[in-house]
């Protein structure tokens, strides 16, 4: 039932790409069996290469072919060579970046001996196409979800299902109240950046920080909650990232399923941080690949490079503090914590600029306007209603995040169902009062 409904769900967008999803599923299922049954390590490696190569080739064709062709043509044109225009009209399949990484995690784990090969095609196909997280994550590891699919629970506790419903309600609140209200402010500024002054663009960048958090964390919670309703436990994907006390800490809290995937399957195999030189190289490479994963545009490469620079600068600062013996006592660190969190948020907000911009021209235009330093408040502040709604949503979201950060989760989990139902009902009422219902798609559907 889950397999068929997942394919119907995916095919509702474009039924033709169900064939692509089925093709990658069959290839990786077969490759996993061949890896597990191989008579030698070399033979297993050949089938692993087949799985990895086919997945990356499909992803490259649909997502990156035109990007690299256009980049090559631009580079040749700068040298006076006319290479013509050979870009193809390619539709990017929704969710291809997510289910590709899920497939890769399966064959890689089988090859490393961390997971037994799945012998049931139906079970494996259900793992790949599992509808709650198929189109935008979280990126669930095969070793976490496949055993649950192979041995589904006979009875799911009411408390587990109810907690899933709570996650769904909170996810919709993040999406419709925080993200979509912020989107109205953001879209206006990025559509015509030259019409806004520095203050307006700073407001727009802060709003995009709120939008992308509410949008993606909201979707992740809806997916995790839906899975719980069906009796399955998915990995958490966000852990209050804007309470991070460092840029490395941010990546332990933001899009956890992706950052941990890159850590386990790219960063550590490349040598991790065995030496400082290796750490520098691997951080830069991993963040650049992460940028490309998010989108086939040089703005995403710049976004990855900025994060690599922030992480390495933070490393260098900590090394210097330890070398000079300038560490603060515990009370000093606690006192400075709010300032550190604010500083990290400002740095992260700056990196979102190239992530949101359509091209490098937009990035330079907005930075140039901010550099002019016009922080005057214009008469009749644009989109006052949307900003007020964003402020209300941000106040609710970060108040609850602060309570969770302070350890409220266990106390809330132990509260009576009536109390928890009232809390959910209150969120739904607030959602209906100040939510934005403009039918905005989720940001990560583009990836």
Protein backbone atom coordinates (compact mmCIF):
# COMPACT_ATOMS: atom_id res chain seq x y z
CA UNK A 1 0.00 0.00 0.00
CA UNK A 2 2.79 2.42 0.89
CA UNK A 3 4.73 1.59 -2.28
CA UNK A 4 1.79 2.08 -4.63
CA UNK A 5 0.59 5.24 -2.87
CA UNK A 6 4.12 6.67 -2.92
CA UNK A 7 4.35 6.22 -6.69
CA UNK A 8 0.90 7.77 -7.16
CA UNK A 9 2.01 10.67 -4.97
CA UNK A 10 5.21 11.18 -6.97
CA UNK A 11 3.52 10.65 -10.34
CA UNK A 12 0.90 13.29 -9.55
CA UNK A 13 3.55 15.91 -10.35
CA UNK A 14 4.77 14.23 -13.55
CA UNK A 15 4.06 10.53 -14.10
CA UNK A 16 6.96 10.17 -16.57
CA UNK A 17 9.54 10.46 -13.81
CA UNK A 18 8.12 7.43 -12.00
CA UNK A 19 10.05 5.40 -14.60
CA UNK A 20 13.28 7.16 -13.63
CA UNK A 21 12.62 6.51 -9.94
CA UNK A 22 11.92 2.84 -10.70
CA UNK A 23 15.05 2.55 -12.86
CA UNK A 24 17.39 3.85 -10.17
CA UNK A 25 15.65 1.65 -7.62
CA UNK A 26 16.14 -1.53 -9.66
CA UNK A 27 19.78 -0.72 -10.46
CA UNK A 28 20.71 -0.13 -6.83
CA UNK A 29 18.70 -3.09 -5.55
CA UNK A 30 20.49 -5.39 -8.01
CA UNK A 31 23.88 -3.78 -7.33
CA UNK A 32 23.38 -4.20 -3.57
CA UNK A 33 22.72 -7.93 -4.03
CA UNK A 34 25.79 -8.31 -6.25
CA UNK A 35 27.96 -6.42 -3.73
CA UNK A 36 26.73 -8.65 -0.88
CA UNK A 37 27.21 -11.89 -2.87
CA UNK A 38 30.53 -10.94 -4.47
CA UNK A 39 33.30 -13.54 -4.14
CA UNK A 40 36.02 -10.93 -3.70
CA UNK A 41 36.45 -7.35 -2.61
CA UNK A 42 37.42 -6.33 -6.14
CA UNK A 43 34.23 -7.80 -7.56
CA UNK A 44 32.15 -6.03 -4.91
CA UNK A 45 33.91 -2.78 -5.73
CA UNK A 46 32.95 -3.09 -9.41
CA UNK A 47 29.26 -3.35 -8.55
CA UNK A 48 29.62 -0.46 -6.09
CA UNK A 49 31.11 1.65 -8.88
CA UNK A 50 28.17 0.69 -11.09
CA UNK A 51 25.72 1.91 -8.45
CA UNK A 52 27.59 5.11 -7.65
CA UNK A 53 28.34 5.84 -11.30
CA UNK A 54 24.77 5.33 -12.52
CA UNK A 55 23.31 7.47 -9.74
CA UNK A 56 25.76 10.31 -10.26
CA UNK A 57 25.41 10.12 -14.06
CA UNK A 58 21.62 10.45 -13.86
CA UNK A 59 21.89 13.29 -11.34
CA UNK A 60 24.53 15.03 -13.45
CA UNK A 61 22.48 14.82 -16.65
CA UNK A 62 19.26 16.18 -15.20
CA UNK A 63 20.72 18.73 -12.81
CA UNK A 64 24.17 19.79 -14.01
CA UNK A 65 24.48 19.17 -17.75
CA UNK A 66 23.29 22.61 -18.82
CA UNK A 67 25.20 24.29 -15.97
CA UNK A 68 28.57 22.90 -17.03
CA UNK A 69 27.83 23.39 -20.75
CA UNK A 70 26.86 27.03 -20.17
CA UNK A 71 29.92 27.59 -17.97
CA UNK A 72 32.21 26.07 -20.60
CA UNK A 73 30.65 28.19 -23.36
CA UNK A 74 31.06 31.34 -21.27
CA UNK A 75 34.71 30.49 -20.56
CA UNK A 76 35.39 29.86 -24.26
CA UNK A 77 33.58 33.06 -25.24
CA UNK A 78 35.87 35.03 -22.89
CA UNK A 79 38.77 33.62 -24.94
CA UNK A 80 37.14 34.67 -28.20
CA UNK A 81 35.96 31.18 -29.14
CA UNK A 82 32.35 30.80 -30.25
CA UNK A 83 31.22 27.31 -29.22
CA UNK A 84 27.56 27.86 -30.09
CA UNK A 85 24.63 27.09 -27.81
CA UNK A 86 24.07 23.41 -27.02
CA UNK A 87 21.95 23.56 -23.85
CA UNK A 88 19.12 21.03 -23.64
CA UNK A 89 15.57 21.56 -22.47
CA UNK A 90 15.68 19.37 -19.36
CA UNK A 91 13.06 19.21 -16.61
CA UNK A 92 14.61 18.63 -13.18
CA UNK A 93 12.78 15.72 -11.51
CA UNK A 94 11.47 16.72 -8.09
CA UNK A 95 13.41 15.09 -5.26
CA UNK A 96 16.18 13.61 -7.43
CA UNK A 97 18.93 15.02 -5.20
CA UNK A 98 17.32 13.41 -2.14
CA UNK A 99 16.51 9.93 -3.42
CA UNK A 100 19.87 9.73 -5.21
CA UNK A 101 21.69 10.17 -1.89
CA UNK A 102 19.39 7.63 -0.25
CA UNK A 103 20.25 5.07 -2.91
CA UNK A 104 23.94 5.81 -2.53
CA UNK A 105 23.79 5.35 1.25
CA UNK A 106 22.37 1.86 0.72
CA UNK A 107 25.04 0.47 -1.60
CA UNK A 108 27.85 2.19 0.30
CA UNK A 109 26.66 0.73 3.62
CA UNK A 110 26.31 -2.73 2.09
CA UNK A 111 29.82 -2.47 0.68
CA UNK A 112 31.24 -1.36 4.06
CA UNK A 113 29.49 -4.25 5.80
CA UNK A 114 27.31 -1.96 7.92
CA UNK A 115 24.06 -3.20 6.38
CA UNK A 116 22.84 -6.51 5.03
CA UNK A 117 21.58 -6.42 1.47
CA UNK A 118 17.79 -6.24 1.18
CA UNK A 119 16.43 -9.33 -0.60
CA UNK A 120 12.91 -7.99 -1.16
CA UNK A 121 12.47 -5.61 -4.07
CA UNK A 122 9.16 -4.41 -2.63
CA UNK A 123 10.81 -3.48 0.68
CA UNK A 124 13.68 -1.70 -1.03
CA UNK A 125 11.40 0.15 -3.46
CA UNK A 126 9.25 1.29 -0.54
CA UNK A 127 12.36 2.62 1.21
CA UNK A 128 13.37 4.67 -1.84
CA UNK A 129 9.88 5.97 -2.67
CA UNK A 130 8.56 6.44 0.89
CA UNK A 131 6.24 9.38 0.20
CA UNK A 132 6.61 11.56 3.36
CA UNK A 133 10.24 12.37 2.64
CA UNK A 134 10.57 11.43 -1.03
CA UNK A 135 10.58 14.89 -2.59
CA UNK A 136 12.47 17.02 -0.05
CA UNK A 137 13.98 14.87 2.67
CA UNK A 138 15.12 14.23 5.29
CA UNK A 139 17.74 12.03 3.58
CA UNK A 140 17.08 8.82 5.47
CA UNK A 141 19.83 6.20 5.65
CA UNK A 142 18.97 2.71 4.50
CA UNK A 143 20.22 1.24 7.75
CA UNK A 144 17.70 3.38 9.66
CA UNK A 145 14.54 2.96 7.58
CA UNK A 146 14.91 -0.37 5.75
CA UNK A 147 14.74 -2.50 8.93
CA UNK A 148 11.55 -0.68 9.92
CA UNK A 149 10.00 -1.38 6.52
CA UNK A 150 11.11 -5.01 6.54
CA UNK A 151 9.61 -5.55 10.00
CA UNK A 152 6.76 -3.06 10.44
CA UNK A 153 5.40 -2.71 13.96
CA UNK A 154 2.28 -4.75 14.67
CA UNK A 155 0.87 -1.99 16.85
CA UNK A 156 1.83 1.66 17.00
CA UNK A 157 1.42 3.44 20.32
CA UNK A 158 -1.13 6.24 20.40
CA UNK A 159 1.47 8.53 21.98
CA UNK A 160 3.82 7.95 19.03
CA UNK A 161 1.12 8.78 16.48
CA UNK A 162 -0.05 11.79 18.50
CA UNK A 163 3.49 13.14 18.61
CA UNK A 164 3.56 12.78 14.84
CA UNK A 165 0.41 14.89 14.56
CA UNK A 166 2.02 17.53 16.79
CA UNK A 167 5.03 17.66 14.46
CA UNK A 168 2.72 18.08 11.45
CA UNK A 169 0.90 21.00 13.08
CA UNK A 170 4.17 22.67 14.06
CA UNK A 171 5.56 22.08 10.57
CA UNK A 172 2.57 23.76 8.94
CA UNK A 173 2.90 26.67 11.36
CA UNK A 174 6.55 27.13 10.38
CA UNK A 175 5.67 26.96 6.69
CA UNK A 176 2.44 29.00 6.46
CA UNK A 177 2.98 31.54 9.22
CA UNK A 178 6.76 32.11 9.35
CA UNK A 179 8.09 31.13 5.93
CA UNK A 180 5.30 32.26 3.61
CA UNK A 181 4.77 35.62 5.33
CA UNK A 182 8.52 36.24 5.16
CA UNK A 183 8.50 35.23 1.48
CA UNK A 184 6.27 38.20 0.59
CA UNK A 185 8.91 40.56 1.99
CA UNK A 186 11.85 38.69 0.45
CA UNK A 187 10.43 38.26 -3.06
CA UNK A 188 9.74 41.98 -3.47
CA UNK A 189 13.30 42.96 -2.57
CA UNK A 190 15.03 40.36 -4.73
CA UNK A 191 12.75 40.96 -7.71
CA UNK A 192 13.70 44.68 -7.94
CA UNK A 193 16.69 45.22 -5.64
CA UNK A 194 17.48 48.67 -7.03
CA UNK A 195 14.21 50.06 -5.63
CA UNK A 196 15.17 49.43 -1.99
CA UNK A 197 17.71 51.01 0.34
CA UNK A 198 20.22 49.36 2.68
CA UNK A 199 17.81 49.02 5.60
CA UNK A 200 15.20 47.36 3.40
CA UNK A 201 17.72 44.86 2.06
CA UNK A 202 18.96 43.99 5.55
CA UNK A 203 15.33 43.40 6.53
CA UNK A 204 14.91 41.27 3.41
CA UNK A 205 18.00 39.17 4.19
CA UNK A 206 16.86 38.59 7.78
CA UNK A 207 13.42 37.63 6.48
CA UNK A 208 15.00 35.13 4.09
CA UNK A 209 16.88 33.58 7.00
CA UNK A 210 13.51 33.13 8.68
CA UNK A 211 11.82 31.98 5.47
CA UNK A 212 14.25 29.22 4.59
CA UNK A 213 14.30 27.96 8.17
CA UNK A 214 10.51 27.92 8.46
CA UNK A 215 10.11 26.47 4.99
CA UNK A 216 12.58 23.61 5.17
CA UNK A 217 12.29 22.82 8.87
CA UNK A 218 8.52 22.95 8.41
CA UNK A 219 8.59 20.46 5.56
CA UNK A 220 10.95 18.18 7.47
CA UNK A 221 8.63 18.15 10.49
CA UNK A 222 5.60 17.42 8.31
CA UNK A 223 7.49 14.50 6.71
CA UNK A 224 8.72 13.15 10.04
CA UNK A 225 5.26 13.54 11.56
CA UNK A 226 3.55 11.77 8.65
CA UNK A 227 6.00 8.90 8.97
CA UNK A 228 5.21 8.64 12.67
CA UNK A 229 1.49 8.45 11.93
CA UNK A 230 2.30 5.38 9.81
CA UNK A 231 4.50 3.95 12.56
CA UNK A 232 7.97 4.82 11.19
CA UNK A 233 10.68 6.85 12.87
CA UNK A 234 12.76 9.19 10.68
CA UNK A 235 15.91 11.04 11.69
CA UNK A 236 15.59 14.65 12.91
CA UNK A 237 16.65 17.23 10.36
CA UNK A 238 16.84 20.49 12.35
CA UNK A 239 17.85 21.24 15.93
CA UNK A 240 17.21 24.97 16.46
CA UNK A 241 20.04 26.08 14.13
CA UNK A 242 19.73 29.79 14.87
CA UNK A 243 20.74 29.07 18.46
CA UNK A 244 24.12 27.82 17.22
CA UNK A 245 27.18 29.16 19.02
CA UNK A 246 29.51 28.66 16.08
CA UNK A 247 29.48 27.98 12.36
CA UNK A 248 30.51 24.37 12.87
CA UNK A 249 27.74 24.09 15.46
CA UNK A 250 25.31 25.51 12.89
CA UNK A 251 26.03 22.61 10.54
CA UNK A 252 25.41 20.14 13.34
CA UNK A 253 21.94 21.68 13.67
CA UNK A 254 20.96 22.60 10.09
CA UNK A 255 19.81 19.98 7.52
CA UNK A 256 21.32 17.34 9.75
CA UNK A 257 20.58 14.46 7.38
CA UNK A 258 22.59 16.12 4.59
CA UNK A 259 25.49 17.41 6.69
CA UNK A 260 25.89 14.02 8.37
CA UNK A 261 25.70 12.33 4.94
CA UNK A 262 28.56 14.46 3.64
CA UNK A 263 30.50 13.86 6.86
CA UNK A 264 30.18 10.07 6.70
CA UNK A 265 30.44 9.47 2.95
CA UNK A 266 32.71 12.28 1.78
CA UNK A 267 34.53 14.17 4.54
CA UNK A 268 35.73 11.19 6.63
CA UNK A 269 36.67 8.97 3.63
CA UNK A 270 38.81 11.86 2.33
CA UNK A 271 40.79 11.83 5.58
CA UNK A 272 38.57 13.91 7.86
CA UNK A 273 40.61 16.06 10.21
CA UNK A 274 43.54 13.71 10.82
CA UNK A 275 45.81 16.67 10.13
CA UNK A 276 45.06 20.38 9.97
CA UNK A 277 46.00 20.51 6.28
CA UNK A 278 43.58 17.65 5.54
CA UNK A 279 40.85 19.40 7.51
CA UNK A 280 41.27 22.62 5.52
CA UNK A 281 41.19 20.76 2.21
CA UNK A 282 38.26 18.55 3.16
CA UNK A 283 36.15 21.35 4.64
CA UNK A 284 36.60 23.43 1.48
CA UNK A 285 35.88 20.51 -0.86
CA UNK A 286 32.88 19.25 1.14
CA UNK A 287 31.29 22.69 1.37
CA UNK A 288 31.79 23.37 -2.34
CA UNK A 289 30.16 20.03 -3.18
CA UNK A 290 27.37 20.86 -0.74
CA UNK A 291 26.86 24.14 -2.55
CA UNK A 292 26.61 22.38 -5.92
CA UNK A 293 24.22 19.82 -4.44
CA UNK A 294 21.86 22.66 -3.58
CA UNK A 295 21.75 24.03 -7.10
CA UNK A 296 23.46 24.24 -10.48
CA UNK A 297 24.51 27.87 -10.23
CA UNK A 298 27.70 29.69 -9.28
CA UNK A 299 25.78 31.49 -6.53
CA UNK A 300 25.48 28.17 -4.69
CA UNK A 301 29.20 27.54 -5.14
CA UNK A 302 29.84 30.97 -3.60
CA UNK A 303 27.48 30.07 -0.74
CA UNK A 304 29.47 26.88 -0.07
CA UNK A 305 32.77 28.76 -0.26
CA UNK A 306 31.52 31.35 2.24
CA UNK A 307 30.55 28.63 4.71
CA UNK A 308 33.91 26.94 4.28
CA UNK A 309 35.62 30.26 5.00
CA UNK A 310 33.52 30.86 8.11
CA UNK A 311 34.15 27.37 9.50
CA UNK A 312 37.91 27.60 8.88
CA UNK A 313 38.12 31.13 10.28
CA UNK A 314 36.37 29.90 13.41
CA UNK A 315 38.85 27.01 13.64
CA UNK A 316 41.78 29.38 13.32
CA UNK A 317 40.34 31.68 16.00
CA UNK A 318 39.89 28.82 18.45
CA UNK A 319 43.42 27.57 17.78
CA UNK A 320 44.77 31.05 18.45
CA UNK A 321 42.80 31.34 21.70
CA UNK A 322 44.12 27.98 22.93
CA UNK A 323 47.68 28.85 21.91
CA UNK A 324 47.58 32.20 23.71
CA UNK A 325 45.72 30.83 26.72
CA UNK A 326 42.92 33.38 26.43
CA UNK A 327 40.01 31.08 27.26
CA UNK A 328 37.10 32.50 29.25
CA UNK A 329 35.75 30.96 32.45
CA UNK A 330 32.39 29.20 32.32
CA UNK A 331 30.47 32.21 33.65
CA UNK A 332 32.05 34.42 30.99
CA UNK A 333 31.05 32.05 28.21
CA UNK A 334 27.48 31.97 29.54
CA UNK A 335 27.36 35.76 29.68
CA UNK A 336 28.62 36.11 26.11
CA UNK A 337 26.43 33.34 24.71
CA UNK A 338 23.61 35.66 23.47
CA UNK A 339 26.15 37.87 21.68
CA UNK A 340 27.83 34.86 20.11
CA UNK A 341 24.49 33.49 18.91
CA UNK A 342 23.61 36.90 17.43
CA UNK A 343 26.99 37.09 15.68
CA UNK A 344 26.62 33.62 14.18
CA UNK A 345 23.10 34.48 13.00
CA UNK A 346 24.41 37.62 11.28
CA UNK A 347 27.13 35.61 9.53
CA UNK A 348 24.69 32.93 8.40
CA UNK A 349 22.25 35.60 7.19
CA UNK A 350 24.97 37.11 5.00
CA UNK A 351 25.68 33.74 3.40
CA UNK A 352 22.00 33.37 2.46
CA UNK A 353 22.36 36.29 0.04
CA UNK A 354 23.95 34.32 -2.83
CA UNK A 355 21.75 31.33 -1.96
CA UNK A 356 18.60 33.37 -2.63
CA UNK A 357 19.88 35.57 -5.46
CA UNK A 358 19.09 34.63 -9.06
CA UNK A 359 22.64 35.44 -10.15
CA UNK A 360 25.85 37.15 -9.20
CA UNK A 361 24.56 40.48 -10.54
CA UNK A 362 21.85 40.49 -7.87
CA UNK A 363 24.43 39.73 -5.18
CA UNK A 364 26.69 42.62 -6.19
CA UNK A 365 23.72 45.00 -6.58
CA UNK A 366 22.41 44.33 -3.07
CA UNK A 367 25.86 44.46 -1.48
CA UNK A 368 26.52 47.75 -3.26
CA UNK A 369 23.27 49.25 -1.96
CA UNK A 370 24.05 48.10 1.59
CA UNK A 371 27.54 49.60 1.30
CA UNK A 372 25.97 52.98 0.49
CA UNK A 373 24.66 52.97 4.07
CA UNK A 374 21.18 54.43 3.52
CA UNK A 375 19.37 53.20 6.63
CA UNK A 376 16.53 55.72 6.51
CA UNK A 377 13.03 54.41 7.10
CA UNK A 378 10.94 55.26 4.02
CA UNK A 379 7.53 56.84 4.36
CA UNK A 380 4.77 54.27 4.36
CA UNK A 381 7.00 51.29 5.12
CA UNK A 382 6.33 48.68 2.45
CA UNK A 383 4.48 45.47 3.35
CA UNK A 384 3.81 46.51 6.95
CA UNK A 385 1.21 43.77 7.40
CA UNK A 386 3.56 41.06 6.17
CA UNK A 387 6.35 42.32 8.43
CA UNK A 388 4.01 42.36 11.43
CA UNK A 389 3.00 38.76 10.70
CA UNK A 390 6.65 37.76 10.34
CA UNK A 391 7.42 39.39 13.70
CA UNK A 392 4.56 37.53 15.40
CA UNK A 393 5.62 34.22 13.85
CA UNK A 394 9.29 34.75 14.72
CA UNK A 395 8.39 35.60 18.31
CA UNK A 396 6.36 32.39 18.68
CA UNK A 397 8.90 30.18 16.88
CA UNK A 398 11.99 31.40 18.71
CA UNK A 399 10.23 31.44 22.08
CA UNK A 400 9.34 27.78 21.63
CA UNK A 401 12.82 27.01 20.28
CA UNK A 402 14.32 28.70 23.33
CA UNK A 403 12.15 26.60 25.64
CA UNK A 404 13.18 23.42 23.81
CA UNK A 405 16.82 24.51 23.94
CA UNK A 406 16.36 24.92 27.68
CA UNK A 407 15.12 21.35 28.11
CA UNK A 408 11.35 21.73 27.91
CA UNK A 409 10.87 18.71 25.64
CA UNK A 410 10.73 16.07 28.35
CA UNK A 411 8.36 18.08 30.53
CA UNK A 412 6.07 18.73 27.58
CA UNK A 413 6.13 15.06 26.56
CA UNK A 414 4.93 14.16 30.05
CA UNK A 415 2.02 16.63 29.97
CA UNK A 416 -1.57 15.29 29.73
CA UNK A 417 -2.99 14.79 26.24
CA UNK A 418 -5.62 17.45 26.94
CA UNK A 419 -2.90 20.06 27.56
CA UNK A 420 -0.99 19.07 24.45
CA UNK A 421 -4.19 19.09 22.38
CA UNK A 422 -4.94 22.60 23.60
CA UNK A 423 -1.44 23.72 22.61
CA UNK A 424 -1.87 22.27 19.10
CA UNK A 425 -5.33 23.79 18.76
CA UNK A 426 -3.97 27.19 19.76
CA UNK A 427 -1.29 26.93 17.07
CA UNK A 428 -3.91 26.01 14.48
CA UNK A 429 -6.05 29.03 15.44
CA UNK A 430 -3.02 31.34 15.24
CA UNK A 431 -2.10 29.76 11.90
CA UNK A 432 -5.57 30.50 10.52
CA UNK A 433 -5.43 34.08 11.79
CA UNK A 434 -1.98 35.15 10.54
CA UNK A 435 -0.96 32.44 8.08
CA UNK A 436 -0.28 33.15 4.41
CA UNK A 437 -2.26 30.94 2.04
CA UNK A 438 -0.79 31.95 -1.30
CA UNK A 439 0.04 28.37 -2.31
CA UNK A 440 3.82 28.85 -2.28
CA UNK A 441 5.76 25.69 -3.04
CA UNK A 442 8.52 24.52 -0.70
CA UNK A 443 11.93 26.01 -1.49
CA UNK A 444 13.73 22.65 -1.52
CA UNK A 445 11.45 21.24 -4.22
CA UNK A 446 13.88 22.97 -6.60
CA UNK A 447 16.76 20.77 -5.46
